[in-house]
Amino acid sequence: MGWLTRFLAAVAFLAVGVIFSPETFGSTSDGPKSPTAATLLKLAHLLGFATAWGAALWVTFIGGIIMFKNLPRHQFGNLQSKMFPAYFTMVGVCCAMSVASFGYLHPWKSSSSTEKYQLGFLLSAFAFNLTNLFVFTPMTIEMMKQRHKVEKEENIGNEVGWSKNVEVAKVNPKLAAMNKKFGMIHGLSSLANIMAFGSLAIHSWYLASKINL
């Protein structure tokens, strides 16, 4: 991930901390005094959650599948290597917004058990996304590049959809070892992404129970 992306992510997290500090709204630990401030916090929470939820839904279940079925495999991998850092950064920032606003609106000491659980789910989504952004994604991208290099030597990787990798790996121990390592890292990354998505899904049920239509 480039330095500019990391810098922008750090600035975004800092901005969230400043925006939702008690001094910003002239509030005490009991919550915001101004109804307008409370509305702004609720809006920030809703927009952060909705953006994270929508992006996770699209990338996990729709966009990635469409690209896999229609792009040459190496081209698909290279595109994913550019997209995923941006995706996890954006979702991470949105989760941070939701955590900060929800935590400020529901101080821990005065919160109900349900609200504490919901804050925990939001924190889980945030943590899983950070793990993907700073741990699994860089490892996956590096392993992918190494594997692409070996595959190019075997003249494979330009096929769309089903890969010729498995057949070639049967007679290429180096590629087989790379496949095993890549599969493990990619599997952990996918698991973290699903866990983050699941945490947001649980919170969506909580939000639905609070809406009066």
N, C-alpha and C. Protein backbone atom coordinates (compact mmCIF):
# COMPACT_ATOMS: atom_id res chain seq x y z
N MET A 1 0.85 -1.19 0.00
CA MET A 1 0.00 0.00 0.00
C MET A 1 0.88 1.23 0.00
N GLY A 2 0.61 2.21 -0.89
CA GLY A 2 1.42 3.39 -1.03
C GLY A 2 1.37 4.29 0.20
N TRP A 3 2.40 5.15 0.32
CA TRP A 3 2.47 6.02 1.48
C TRP A 3 1.33 7.01 1.51
N LEU A 4 0.86 7.44 0.33
CA LEU A 4 -0.23 8.43 0.28
C LEU A 4 -1.51 7.85 0.87
N THR A 5 -1.80 6.58 0.56
CA THR A 5 -3.00 5.95 1.10
C THR A 5 -2.91 5.83 2.62
N ARG A 6 -1.75 5.46 3.12
CA ARG A 6 -1.58 5.34 4.57
C ARG A 6 -1.72 6.71 5.24
N PHE A 7 -1.16 7.73 4.60
CA PHE A 7 -1.24 9.08 5.17
C PHE A 7 -2.68 9.55 5.23
N LEU A 8 -3.42 9.34 4.13
CA LEU A 8 -4.82 9.76 4.10
C LEU A 8 -5.65 8.99 5.13
N ALA A 9 -5.36 7.70 5.31
CA ALA A 9 -6.08 6.92 6.31
C ALA A 9 -5.80 7.45 7.71
N ALA A 10 -4.53 7.78 7.97
CA ALA A 10 -4.18 8.30 9.29
C ALA A 10 -4.85 9.65 9.55
N VAL A 11 -4.88 10.51 8.52
CA VAL A 11 -5.54 11.82 8.65
C VAL A 11 -7.03 11.64 8.89
N ALA A 12 -7.63 10.68 8.19
CA ALA A 12 -9.07 10.42 8.36
C ALA A 12 -9.38 9.97 9.78
N PHE A 13 -8.56 9.06 10.32
CA PHE A 13 -8.78 8.60 11.69
C PHE A 13 -8.60 9.74 12.69
N LEU A 14 -7.61 10.60 12.45
CA LEU A 14 -7.39 11.74 13.32
C LEU A 14 -8.57 12.69 13.27
N ALA A 15 -9.08 12.95 12.06
CA ALA A 15 -10.24 13.84 11.90
C ALA A 15 -11.46 13.31 12.62
N VAL A 16 -11.67 11.99 12.55
CA VAL A 16 -12.80 11.39 13.26
C VAL A 16 -12.65 11.61 14.76
N GLY A 17 -11.44 11.44 15.27
CA GLY A 17 -11.21 11.64 16.70
C GLY A 17 -11.49 13.08 17.13
N VAL A 18 -11.09 14.04 16.29
CA VAL A 18 -11.32 15.45 16.62
C VAL A 18 -12.81 15.78 16.54
N ILE A 19 -13.46 15.32 15.48
CA ILE A 19 -14.87 15.65 15.27
C ILE A 19 -15.74 15.15 16.41
N PHE A 20 -15.45 13.94 16.89
CA PHE A 20 -16.30 13.33 17.90
C PHE A 20 -15.78 13.47 19.33
N SER A 21 -14.82 14.39 19.55
CA SER A 21 -14.36 14.64 20.91
C SER A 21 -15.42 15.44 21.66
N PRO A 22 -15.53 15.29 22.98
CA PRO A 22 -16.53 16.03 23.75
C PRO A 22 -16.41 17.54 23.59
N GLU A 23 -15.17 18.05 23.45
CA GLU A 23 -14.98 19.48 23.34
C GLU A 23 -15.61 20.06 22.08
N THR A 24 -15.67 19.26 21.02
CA THR A 24 -16.19 19.74 19.75
C THR A 24 -17.64 20.18 19.87
N PHE A 25 -18.43 19.41 20.60
CA PHE A 25 -19.85 19.71 20.74
C PHE A 25 -20.19 20.33 22.09
N GLY A 26 -19.19 20.62 22.91
CA GLY A 26 -19.44 21.18 24.21
C GLY A 26 -20.26 20.24 25.07
N SER A 27 -19.89 18.96 25.07
CA SER A 27 -20.69 17.94 25.73
C SER A 27 -19.98 17.40 26.96
N THR A 28 -20.73 16.71 27.79
CA THR A 28 -20.19 16.01 28.94
C THR A 28 -20.23 14.52 28.67
N SER A 29 -19.82 13.73 29.65
CA SER A 29 -19.81 12.27 29.47
C SER A 29 -21.21 11.70 29.37
N ASP A 30 -22.24 12.51 29.69
CA ASP A 30 -23.60 12.01 29.63
C ASP A 30 -24.17 12.05 28.23
N GLY A 31 -23.41 12.60 27.27
CA GLY A 31 -23.89 12.64 25.90
C GLY A 31 -23.99 14.06 25.40
N PRO A 32 -24.25 14.25 24.12
CA PRO A 32 -24.30 15.59 23.54
C PRO A 32 -25.47 16.38 24.10
N LYS A 33 -25.24 17.68 24.37
CA LYS A 33 -26.29 18.54 24.89
C LYS A 33 -27.22 19.01 23.78
N SER A 34 -26.64 19.26 22.63
CA SER A 34 -27.40 19.83 21.54
C SER A 34 -28.10 18.75 20.72
N PRO A 35 -29.41 18.92 20.45
CA PRO A 35 -30.10 17.96 19.56
C PRO A 35 -29.47 17.91 18.18
N THR A 36 -28.98 19.07 17.72
CA THR A 36 -28.33 19.11 16.41
C THR A 36 -27.07 18.26 16.40
N ALA A 37 -26.31 18.36 17.50
CA ALA A 37 -25.09 17.55 17.60
C ALA A 37 -25.43 16.07 17.59
N ALA A 38 -26.48 15.70 18.32
CA ALA A 38 -26.90 14.30 18.35
C ALA A 38 -27.31 13.82 16.97
N THR A 39 -28.01 14.66 16.24
CA THR A 39 -28.43 14.30 14.89
C THR A 39 -27.24 14.12 13.97
N LEU A 40 -26.26 15.00 14.09
CA LEU A 40 -25.05 14.89 13.27
C LEU A 40 -24.29 13.60 13.58
N LEU A 41 -24.24 13.25 14.86
CA LEU A 41 -23.58 12.01 15.24
C LEU A 41 -24.31 10.79 14.69
N LYS A 42 -25.63 10.83 14.75
CA LYS A 42 -26.43 9.72 14.21
C LYS A 42 -26.25 9.62 12.70
N LEU A 43 -26.18 10.78 12.05
CA LEU A 43 -25.96 10.79 10.60
C LEU A 43 -24.60 10.21 10.24
N ALA A 44 -23.58 10.61 11.00
CA ALA A 44 -22.23 10.09 10.75
C ALA A 44 -22.21 8.58 10.94
N HIS A 45 -22.88 8.11 11.98
CA HIS A 45 -22.94 6.67 12.24
C HIS A 45 -23.65 5.94 11.10
N LEU A 46 -24.78 6.48 10.69
CA LEU A 46 -25.57 5.83 9.64
C LEU A 46 -24.83 5.81 8.31
N LEU A 47 -24.22 6.94 7.94
CA LEU A 47 -23.50 7.00 6.67
C LEU A 47 -22.27 6.09 6.69
N GLY A 48 -21.56 6.09 7.81
CA GLY A 48 -20.39 5.21 7.93
C GLY A 48 -20.77 3.75 7.83
N PHE A 49 -21.82 3.38 8.56
CA PHE A 49 -22.27 1.99 8.53
C PHE A 49 -22.77 1.60 7.14
N ALA A 50 -23.63 2.45 6.54
CA ALA A 50 -24.23 2.13 5.24
C ALA A 50 -23.17 1.99 4.16
N THR A 51 -22.17 2.87 4.19
CA THR A 51 -21.10 2.80 3.19
C THR A 51 -20.28 1.53 3.35
N ALA A 52 -19.93 1.21 4.60
CA ALA A 52 -19.15 0.00 4.86
C ALA A 52 -19.94 -1.25 4.47
N TRP A 53 -21.21 -1.29 4.85
CA TRP A 53 -22.07 -2.43 4.54
C TRP A 53 -22.24 -2.61 3.03
N GLY A 54 -22.53 -1.52 2.33
CA GLY A 54 -22.74 -1.59 0.89
C GLY A 54 -21.48 -2.00 0.14
N ALA A 55 -20.34 -1.43 0.54
CA ALA A 55 -19.08 -1.77 -0.12
C ALA A 55 -18.73 -3.23 0.12
N ALA A 56 -18.90 -3.71 1.36
CA ALA A 56 -18.59 -5.10 1.68
C ALA A 56 -19.49 -6.06 0.91
N LEU A 57 -20.77 -5.72 0.81
CA LEU A 57 -21.71 -6.56 0.07
C LEU A 57 -21.32 -6.65 -1.40
N TRP A 58 -21.01 -5.52 -2.01
CA TRP A 58 -20.67 -5.50 -3.43
C TRP A 58 -19.37 -6.24 -3.72
N VAL A 59 -18.32 -5.89 -2.98
CA VAL A 59 -17.00 -6.48 -3.24
C VAL A 59 -16.99 -7.98 -2.96
N THR A 60 -17.64 -8.39 -1.87
CA THR A 60 -17.57 -9.78 -1.45
C THR A 60 -18.43 -10.72 -2.29
N PHE A 61 -19.62 -10.26 -2.66
CA PHE A 61 -20.59 -11.18 -3.28
C PHE A 61 -20.95 -10.86 -4.74
N ILE A 62 -20.57 -9.69 -5.23
CA ILE A 62 -20.99 -9.33 -6.59
C ILE A 62 -19.81 -8.94 -7.48
N GLY A 63 -19.15 -7.83 -7.15
CA GLY A 63 -18.09 -7.31 -8.01
C GLY A 63 -16.96 -8.28 -8.25
N GLY A 64 -16.46 -8.91 -7.17
CA GLY A 64 -15.34 -9.83 -7.32
C GLY A 64 -15.68 -11.03 -8.18
N ILE A 65 -16.89 -11.56 -8.03
CA ILE A 65 -17.31 -12.73 -8.80
C ILE A 65 -17.43 -12.38 -10.29
N ILE A 66 -18.00 -11.21 -10.56
CA ILE A 66 -18.16 -10.78 -11.96
C ILE A 66 -16.79 -10.62 -12.62
N MET A 67 -15.85 -9.98 -11.93
CA MET A 67 -14.52 -9.78 -12.49
C MET A 67 -13.81 -11.11 -12.70
N PHE A 68 -13.94 -12.03 -11.74
CA PHE A 68 -13.27 -13.33 -11.86
C PHE A 68 -13.76 -14.10 -13.08
N LYS A 69 -15.06 -13.99 -13.38
CA LYS A 69 -15.64 -14.74 -14.49
C LYS A 69 -15.40 -14.11 -15.85
N ASN A 70 -14.91 -12.86 -15.87
CA ASN A 70 -14.79 -12.16 -17.15
C ASN A 70 -13.40 -11.61 -17.46
N LEU A 71 -12.45 -11.72 -16.54
CA LEU A 71 -11.11 -11.19 -16.78
C LEU A 71 -10.09 -12.32 -16.79
N PRO A 72 -9.04 -12.19 -17.61
CA PRO A 72 -7.93 -13.14 -17.52
C PRO A 72 -7.42 -13.16 -16.09
N ARG A 73 -7.01 -14.32 -15.61
CA ARG A 73 -6.75 -14.50 -14.19
C ARG A 73 -5.67 -13.58 -13.66
N HIS A 74 -4.57 -13.40 -14.40
CA HIS A 74 -3.52 -12.49 -13.93
C HIS A 74 -4.00 -11.04 -13.92
N GLN A 75 -4.79 -10.68 -14.91
CA GLN A 75 -5.33 -9.33 -14.95
C GLN A 75 -6.28 -9.11 -13.77
N PHE A 76 -7.08 -10.13 -13.47
CA PHE A 76 -7.98 -10.07 -12.33
C PHE A 76 -7.21 -9.90 -11.03
N GLY A 77 -6.13 -10.68 -10.86
CA GLY A 77 -5.32 -10.59 -9.65
C GLY A 77 -4.66 -9.23 -9.49
N ASN A 78 -4.13 -8.71 -10.59
CA ASN A 78 -3.49 -7.39 -10.53
C ASN A 78 -4.49 -6.29 -10.18
N LEU A 79 -5.69 -6.41 -10.73
CA LEU A 79 -6.74 -5.43 -10.41
C LEU A 79 -7.12 -5.52 -8.93
N GLN A 80 -7.28 -6.74 -8.43
CA GLN A 80 -7.63 -6.92 -7.02
C GLN A 80 -6.54 -6.36 -6.10
N SER A 81 -5.28 -6.49 -6.52
CA SER A 81 -4.18 -5.99 -5.69
C SER A 81 -4.21 -4.48 -5.55
N LYS A 82 -4.80 -3.79 -6.53
CA LYS A 82 -4.96 -2.33 -6.44
C LYS A 82 -6.25 -1.96 -5.72
N MET A 83 -7.27 -2.78 -5.88
CA MET A 83 -8.59 -2.45 -5.33
C MET A 83 -8.70 -2.73 -3.84
N PHE A 84 -8.15 -3.87 -3.37
CA PHE A 84 -8.36 -4.26 -1.99
C PHE A 84 -7.77 -3.31 -0.96
N PRO A 85 -6.56 -2.76 -1.15
CA PRO A 85 -6.09 -1.78 -0.17
C PRO A 85 -7.03 -0.58 -0.06
N ALA A 86 -7.53 -0.10 -1.19
CA ALA A 86 -8.47 1.02 -1.16
C ALA A 86 -9.77 0.62 -0.50
N TYR A 87 -10.23 -0.60 -0.78
CA TYR A 87 -11.48 -1.10 -0.21
C TYR A 87 -11.39 -1.22 1.31
N PHE A 88 -10.33 -1.84 1.81
CA PHE A 88 -10.20 -2.02 3.25
C PHE A 88 -9.94 -0.69 3.96
N THR A 89 -9.26 0.23 3.29
CA THR A 89 -9.06 1.56 3.87
C THR A 89 -10.39 2.28 4.03
N MET A 90 -11.19 2.28 2.97
CA MET A 90 -12.48 2.96 3.02
C MET A 90 -13.40 2.35 4.07
N VAL A 91 -13.51 1.02 4.07
CA VAL A 91 -14.38 0.36 5.04
C VAL A 91 -13.87 0.59 6.46
N GLY A 92 -12.56 0.58 6.64
CA GLY A 92 -11.98 0.83 7.95
C GLY A 92 -12.31 2.22 8.46
N VAL A 93 -12.20 3.23 7.59
CA VAL A 93 -12.54 4.60 7.97
C VAL A 93 -14.02 4.70 8.33
N CYS A 94 -14.86 4.07 7.52
CA CYS A 94 -16.31 4.10 7.78
C CYS A 94 -16.64 3.41 9.11
N CYS A 95 -15.99 2.29 9.39
CA CYS A 95 -16.22 1.60 10.66
C CYS A 95 -15.75 2.46 11.83
N ALA A 96 -14.64 3.17 11.63
CA ALA A 96 -14.14 4.06 12.69
C ALA A 96 -15.16 5.16 12.97
N MET A 97 -15.76 5.71 11.92
CA MET A 97 -16.80 6.71 12.10
C MET A 97 -17.98 6.15 12.90
N SER A 98 -18.39 4.95 12.56
CA SER A 98 -19.52 4.34 13.24
C SER A 98 -19.20 4.04 14.70
N VAL A 99 -18.01 3.52 14.95
CA VAL A 99 -17.60 3.22 16.32
C VAL A 99 -17.55 4.49 17.17
N ALA A 100 -16.92 5.55 16.61
CA ALA A 100 -16.77 6.79 17.36
C ALA A 100 -18.11 7.43 17.67
N SER A 101 -18.98 7.52 16.67
CA SER A 101 -20.27 8.16 16.88
C SER A 101 -21.18 7.34 17.79
N PHE A 102 -21.21 6.02 17.58
CA PHE A 102 -22.06 5.17 18.41
C PHE A 102 -21.57 5.16 19.86
N GLY A 103 -20.25 5.09 20.04
CA GLY A 103 -19.69 5.10 21.38
C GLY A 103 -19.94 6.40 22.10
N TYR A 104 -19.92 7.51 21.37
CA TYR A 104 -20.17 8.81 21.98
C TYR A 104 -21.64 8.97 22.35
N LEU A 105 -22.52 8.47 21.51
CA LEU A 105 -23.95 8.57 21.79
C LEU A 105 -24.37 7.62 22.91
N HIS A 106 -23.60 6.55 23.11
CA HIS A 106 -23.95 5.57 24.13
C HIS A 106 -22.75 5.34 25.05
N PRO A 107 -22.51 6.25 26.00
CA PRO A 107 -21.39 6.09 26.94
C PRO A 107 -21.45 4.73 27.63
N TRP A 108 -20.27 4.11 27.81
CA TRP A 108 -20.21 2.74 28.29
C TRP A 108 -20.92 2.55 29.64
N LYS A 109 -20.72 3.47 30.58
CA LYS A 109 -21.26 3.29 31.92
C LYS A 109 -22.79 3.32 31.96
N SER A 110 -23.38 4.10 31.05
CA SER A 110 -24.84 4.23 31.06
C SER A 110 -25.52 3.41 29.97
N SER A 111 -24.74 2.65 29.21
CA SER A 111 -25.31 1.87 28.10
C SER A 111 -25.94 0.59 28.59
N SER A 112 -26.93 0.13 27.83
CA SER A 112 -27.54 -1.16 28.11
C SER A 112 -26.63 -2.27 27.59
N SER A 113 -26.94 -3.51 27.98
CA SER A 113 -26.15 -4.65 27.51
C SER A 113 -26.20 -4.76 25.99
N THR A 114 -27.39 -4.49 25.41
CA THR A 114 -27.54 -4.56 23.95
C THR A 114 -26.64 -3.54 23.27
N GLU A 115 -26.60 -2.33 23.79
CA GLU A 115 -25.76 -1.28 23.19
C GLU A 115 -24.28 -1.61 23.31
N LYS A 116 -23.90 -2.22 24.42
CA LYS A 116 -22.51 -2.63 24.59
C LYS A 116 -22.13 -3.73 23.59
N TYR A 117 -23.05 -4.66 23.39
CA TYR A 117 -22.80 -5.71 22.39
C TYR A 117 -22.66 -5.12 20.99
N GLN A 118 -23.52 -4.15 20.67
CA GLN A 118 -23.47 -3.53 19.35
C GLN A 118 -22.17 -2.78 19.13
N LEU A 119 -21.70 -2.10 20.16
CA LEU A 119 -20.40 -1.43 20.05
C LEU A 119 -19.31 -2.47 19.83
N GLY A 120 -19.45 -3.61 20.48
CA GLY A 120 -18.48 -4.68 20.29
C GLY A 120 -18.47 -5.21 18.86
N PHE A 121 -19.66 -5.35 18.26
CA PHE A 121 -19.73 -5.81 16.86
C PHE A 121 -19.09 -4.80 15.92
N LEU A 122 -19.32 -3.51 16.17
CA LEU A 122 -18.71 -2.48 15.33
C LEU A 122 -17.19 -2.47 15.48
N LEU A 123 -16.72 -2.63 16.71
CA LEU A 123 -15.28 -2.71 16.94
C LEU A 123 -14.68 -3.94 16.27
N SER A 124 -15.43 -5.03 16.26
CA SER A 124 -14.96 -6.25 15.59
C SER A 124 -14.80 -6.02 14.09
N ALA A 125 -15.80 -5.39 13.48
CA ALA A 125 -15.72 -5.09 12.04
C ALA A 125 -14.51 -4.20 11.76
N PHE A 126 -14.29 -3.21 12.60
CA PHE A 126 -13.15 -2.30 12.45
C PHE A 126 -11.84 -3.07 12.56
N ALA A 127 -11.73 -3.93 13.59
CA ALA A 127 -10.49 -4.67 13.82
C ALA A 127 -10.20 -5.66 12.69
N PHE A 128 -11.23 -6.36 12.22
CA PHE A 128 -11.01 -7.31 11.12
C PHE A 128 -10.57 -6.60 9.85
N ASN A 129 -11.11 -5.42 9.59
CA ASN A 129 -10.70 -4.66 8.40
C ASN A 129 -9.26 -4.17 8.53
N LEU A 130 -8.88 -3.69 9.72
CA LEU A 130 -7.50 -3.27 9.91
C LEU A 130 -6.53 -4.44 9.76
N THR A 131 -6.94 -5.61 10.25
CA THR A 131 -6.09 -6.80 10.10
C THR A 131 -5.89 -7.13 8.63
N ASN A 132 -6.96 -7.03 7.85
CA ASN A 132 -6.83 -7.28 6.42
C ASN A 132 -5.98 -6.22 5.75
N LEU A 133 -6.18 -4.96 6.13
CA LEU A 133 -5.47 -3.87 5.48
C LEU A 133 -3.96 -3.94 5.72
N PHE A 134 -3.56 -4.20 6.95
CA PHE A 134 -2.15 -4.10 7.31
C PHE A 134 -1.41 -5.44 7.41
N VAL A 135 -2.15 -6.55 7.43
CA VAL A 135 -1.49 -7.86 7.59
C VAL A 135 -1.74 -8.77 6.38
N PHE A 136 -2.98 -9.20 6.21
CA PHE A 136 -3.27 -10.22 5.22
C PHE A 136 -3.17 -9.73 3.78
N THR A 137 -3.66 -8.52 3.50
CA THR A 137 -3.63 -8.03 2.12
C THR A 137 -2.21 -7.85 1.59
N PRO A 138 -1.29 -7.20 2.33
CA PRO A 138 0.09 -7.12 1.83
C PRO A 138 0.73 -8.49 1.61
N MET A 139 0.46 -9.43 2.51
CA MET A 139 1.01 -10.78 2.35
C MET A 139 0.42 -11.47 1.13
N THR A 140 -0.89 -11.31 0.93
CA THR A 140 -1.55 -11.94 -0.21
C THR A 140 -1.02 -11.38 -1.53
N ILE A 141 -0.88 -10.07 -1.60
CA ILE A 141 -0.40 -9.42 -2.83
C ILE A 141 1.02 -9.88 -3.15
N GLU A 142 1.88 -9.92 -2.15
CA GLU A 142 3.27 -10.34 -2.38
C GLU A 142 3.33 -11.79 -2.85
N MET A 143 2.53 -12.66 -2.21
CA MET A 143 2.50 -14.06 -2.62
C MET A 143 1.94 -14.21 -4.02
N MET A 144 0.93 -13.41 -4.36
CA MET A 144 0.33 -13.45 -5.69
C MET A 144 1.36 -13.09 -6.76
N LYS A 145 2.15 -12.05 -6.51
CA LYS A 145 3.15 -11.62 -7.48
C LYS A 145 4.19 -12.71 -7.72
N GLN A 146 4.60 -13.36 -6.65
CA GLN A 146 5.57 -14.45 -6.79
C GLN A 146 4.98 -15.61 -7.59
N ARG A 147 3.73 -15.91 -7.32
CA ARG A 147 3.07 -17.02 -8.02
C ARG A 147 2.86 -16.67 -9.49
N HIS A 148 2.48 -15.42 -9.78
CA HIS A 148 2.32 -14.99 -11.16
C HIS A 148 3.61 -15.16 -11.95
N LYS A 149 4.73 -14.86 -11.31
CA LYS A 149 6.02 -14.98 -11.99
C LYS A 149 6.29 -16.43 -12.40
N VAL A 150 6.02 -17.35 -11.50
CA VAL A 150 6.22 -18.77 -11.80
C VAL A 150 5.23 -19.23 -12.87
N GLU A 151 4.00 -18.78 -12.80
CA GLU A 151 2.98 -19.17 -13.78
C GLU A 151 3.33 -18.66 -15.18
N LYS A 152 3.89 -17.47 -15.26
CA LYS A 152 4.27 -16.95 -16.57
C LYS A 152 5.36 -17.80 -17.20
N GLU A 153 6.23 -18.33 -16.37
CA GLU A 153 7.27 -19.23 -16.88
C GLU A 153 6.67 -20.52 -17.43
N GLU A 154 5.49 -20.88 -16.92
CA GLU A 154 4.78 -22.07 -17.37
C GLU A 154 3.73 -21.76 -18.44
N ASN A 155 3.69 -20.48 -18.86
CA ASN A 155 2.75 -20.02 -19.90
C ASN A 155 1.28 -20.23 -19.51
N ILE A 156 0.98 -19.98 -18.26
CA ILE A 156 -0.41 -20.03 -17.81
C ILE A 156 -0.74 -18.73 -17.07
N GLY A 157 -2.02 -18.48 -16.88
CA GLY A 157 -2.44 -17.29 -16.15
C GLY A 157 -3.27 -16.33 -16.98
N ASN A 158 -3.32 -16.56 -18.30
CA ASN A 158 -4.11 -15.69 -19.16
C ASN A 158 -5.51 -16.23 -19.43
N GLU A 159 -5.79 -17.40 -18.86
CA GLU A 159 -7.11 -17.99 -19.05
C GLU A 159 -8.14 -17.25 -18.21
N VAL A 160 -9.40 -17.27 -18.66
CA VAL A 160 -10.50 -16.64 -17.93
C VAL A 160 -11.24 -17.72 -17.13
N GLY A 161 -11.52 -17.42 -15.86
CA GLY A 161 -12.28 -18.38 -15.06
C GLY A 161 -11.41 -19.49 -14.52
N TRP A 162 -11.77 -20.73 -14.83
CA TRP A 162 -11.07 -21.90 -14.28
C TRP A 162 -9.60 -21.88 -14.64
N SER A 163 -8.75 -22.08 -13.66
CA SER A 163 -7.31 -21.96 -13.84
C SER A 163 -6.67 -23.28 -14.27
N LYS A 164 -5.60 -23.15 -15.06
CA LYS A 164 -4.78 -24.30 -15.43
C LYS A 164 -3.72 -24.57 -14.36
N ASN A 165 -3.72 -23.76 -13.33
CA ASN A 165 -2.71 -23.84 -12.29
C ASN A 165 -2.66 -25.21 -11.63
N VAL A 166 -3.81 -25.77 -11.32
CA VAL A 166 -3.87 -27.03 -10.57
C VAL A 166 -3.15 -28.15 -11.32
N GLU A 167 -3.39 -28.24 -12.62
CA GLU A 167 -2.76 -29.30 -13.41
C GLU A 167 -1.26 -29.12 -13.49
N VAL A 168 -0.82 -27.87 -13.69
CA VAL A 168 0.62 -27.61 -13.79
C VAL A 168 1.31 -27.85 -12.45
N ALA A 169 0.63 -27.51 -11.36
CA ALA A 169 1.22 -27.67 -10.02
C ALA A 169 1.51 -29.13 -9.69
N LYS A 170 0.83 -30.06 -10.34
CA LYS A 170 1.05 -31.49 -10.09
C LYS A 170 2.46 -31.92 -10.50
N VAL A 171 3.06 -31.18 -11.45
CA VAL A 171 4.40 -31.54 -11.90
C VAL A 171 5.41 -30.42 -11.60
N ASN A 172 4.97 -29.42 -10.83
CA ASN A 172 5.85 -28.31 -10.46
C ASN A 172 5.77 -28.11 -8.95
N PRO A 173 6.69 -28.71 -8.18
CA PRO A 173 6.63 -28.61 -6.71
C PRO A 173 6.69 -27.18 -6.19
N LYS A 174 7.44 -26.32 -6.87
CA LYS A 174 7.56 -24.93 -6.43
C LYS A 174 6.21 -24.22 -6.50
N LEU A 175 5.50 -24.44 -7.60
CA LEU A 175 4.18 -23.84 -7.76
C LEU A 175 3.19 -24.44 -6.77
N ALA A 176 3.32 -25.74 -6.52
CA ALA A 176 2.42 -26.40 -5.57
C ALA A 176 2.60 -25.82 -4.17
N ALA A 177 3.86 -25.56 -3.79
CA ALA A 177 4.13 -24.98 -2.47
C ALA A 177 3.58 -23.56 -2.38
N MET A 178 3.72 -22.81 -3.47
CA MET A 178 3.17 -21.45 -3.50
C MET A 178 1.65 -21.46 -3.40
N ASN A 179 1.04 -22.42 -4.10
CA ASN A 179 -0.42 -22.51 -4.05
C ASN A 179 -0.90 -22.76 -2.63
N LYS A 180 -0.19 -23.62 -1.92
CA LYS A 180 -0.58 -23.95 -0.54
C LYS A 180 -0.46 -22.73 0.36
N LYS A 181 0.63 -22.00 0.25
CA LYS A 181 0.84 -20.82 1.08
C LYS A 181 -0.14 -19.72 0.72
N PHE A 182 -0.35 -19.52 -0.59
CA PHE A 182 -1.29 -18.49 -1.04
C PHE A 182 -2.71 -18.82 -0.57
N GLY A 183 -3.07 -20.09 -0.67
CA GLY A 183 -4.41 -20.50 -0.26
C GLY A 183 -4.64 -20.25 1.22
N MET A 184 -3.62 -20.49 2.04
CA MET A 184 -3.75 -20.27 3.48
C MET A 184 -3.92 -18.78 3.79
N ILE A 185 -3.07 -17.94 3.19
CA ILE A 185 -3.14 -16.50 3.47
C ILE A 185 -4.43 -15.91 2.93
N HIS A 186 -4.78 -16.30 1.71
CA HIS A 186 -6.01 -15.79 1.10
C HIS A 186 -7.23 -16.26 1.88
N GLY A 187 -7.17 -17.48 2.40
CA GLY A 187 -8.27 -17.99 3.20
C GLY A 187 -8.46 -17.19 4.48
N LEU A 188 -7.36 -16.82 5.15
CA LEU A 188 -7.43 -16.01 6.36
C LEU A 188 -7.98 -14.62 6.05
N SER A 189 -7.55 -14.08 4.91
CA SER A 189 -8.05 -12.76 4.50
C SER A 189 -9.55 -12.81 4.23
N SER A 190 -9.99 -13.84 3.54
CA SER A 190 -11.41 -13.99 3.24
C SER A 190 -12.22 -14.19 4.52
N LEU A 191 -11.66 -14.96 5.46
CA LEU A 191 -12.35 -15.19 6.73
C LEU A 191 -12.51 -13.89 7.51
N ALA A 192 -11.44 -13.09 7.55
CA ALA A 192 -11.51 -11.79 8.24
C ALA A 192 -12.54 -10.89 7.59
N ASN A 193 -12.60 -10.91 6.25
CA ASN A 193 -13.57 -10.09 5.53
C ASN A 193 -15.00 -10.54 5.83
N ILE A 194 -15.23 -11.85 5.86
CA ILE A 194 -16.56 -12.38 6.17
C ILE A 194 -16.95 -12.07 7.61
N MET A 195 -16.00 -12.14 8.53
CA MET A 195 -16.28 -11.82 9.93
C MET A 195 -16.66 -10.35 10.08
N ALA A 196 -15.97 -9.48 9.35
CA ALA A 196 -16.31 -8.06 9.39
C ALA A 196 -17.71 -7.83 8.81
N PHE A 197 -17.98 -8.49 7.70
CA PHE A 197 -19.30 -8.38 7.07
C PHE A 197 -20.39 -8.90 8.01
N GLY A 198 -20.13 -10.02 8.67
CA GLY A 198 -21.10 -10.58 9.60
C GLY A 198 -21.36 -9.67 10.78
N SER A 199 -20.32 -9.02 11.28
CA SER A 199 -20.49 -8.08 12.39
C SER A 199 -21.38 -6.91 11.97
N LEU A 200 -21.17 -6.41 10.76
CA LEU A 200 -22.01 -5.33 10.26
C LEU A 200 -23.44 -5.81 10.04
N ALA A 201 -23.60 -7.06 9.60
CA ALA A 201 -24.94 -7.61 9.37
C ALA A 201 -25.71 -7.68 10.67
N ILE A 202 -25.04 -8.08 11.74
CA ILE A 202 -25.70 -8.13 13.05
C ILE A 202 -26.15 -6.73 13.47
N HIS A 203 -25.29 -5.74 13.23
CA HIS A 203 -25.64 -4.37 13.61
C HIS A 203 -26.80 -3.84 12.77
N SER A 204 -26.92 -4.31 11.54
CA SER A 204 -28.02 -3.86 10.69
C SER A 204 -29.37 -4.26 11.29
N TRP A 205 -29.43 -5.43 11.93
CA TRP A 205 -30.68 -5.86 12.57
C TRP A 205 -31.02 -4.93 13.74
N TYR A 206 -29.99 -4.54 14.49
CA TYR A 206 -30.19 -3.60 15.60
C TYR A 206 -30.73 -2.27 15.07
N LEU A 207 -30.14 -1.75 14.01
CA LEU A 207 -30.60 -0.48 13.45
C LEU A 207 -32.03 -0.58 12.94
N ALA A 208 -32.35 -1.71 12.30
CA ALA A 208 -33.71 -1.90 11.78
C ALA A 208 -34.73 -1.86 12.92
N SER A 209 -34.36 -2.38 14.08
CA SER A 209 -35.30 -2.40 15.22
C SER A 209 -35.52 -1.01 15.79
N LYS A 210 -34.65 -0.05 15.44
CA LYS A 210 -34.76 1.31 15.97
C LYS A 210 -35.49 2.26 15.03
N ILE A 211 -35.75 1.81 13.81
CA ILE A 211 -36.38 2.69 12.82
C ILE A 211 -37.88 2.66 12.94
N ASN A 212 -38.49 3.83 12.94
CA ASN A 212 -39.94 3.95 12.94
C ASN A 212 -40.39 4.47 11.56
N LEU A 213 -41.08 3.65 10.80
CA LEU A 213 -41.52 4.03 9.46
C LEU A 213 -43.00 4.35 9.46
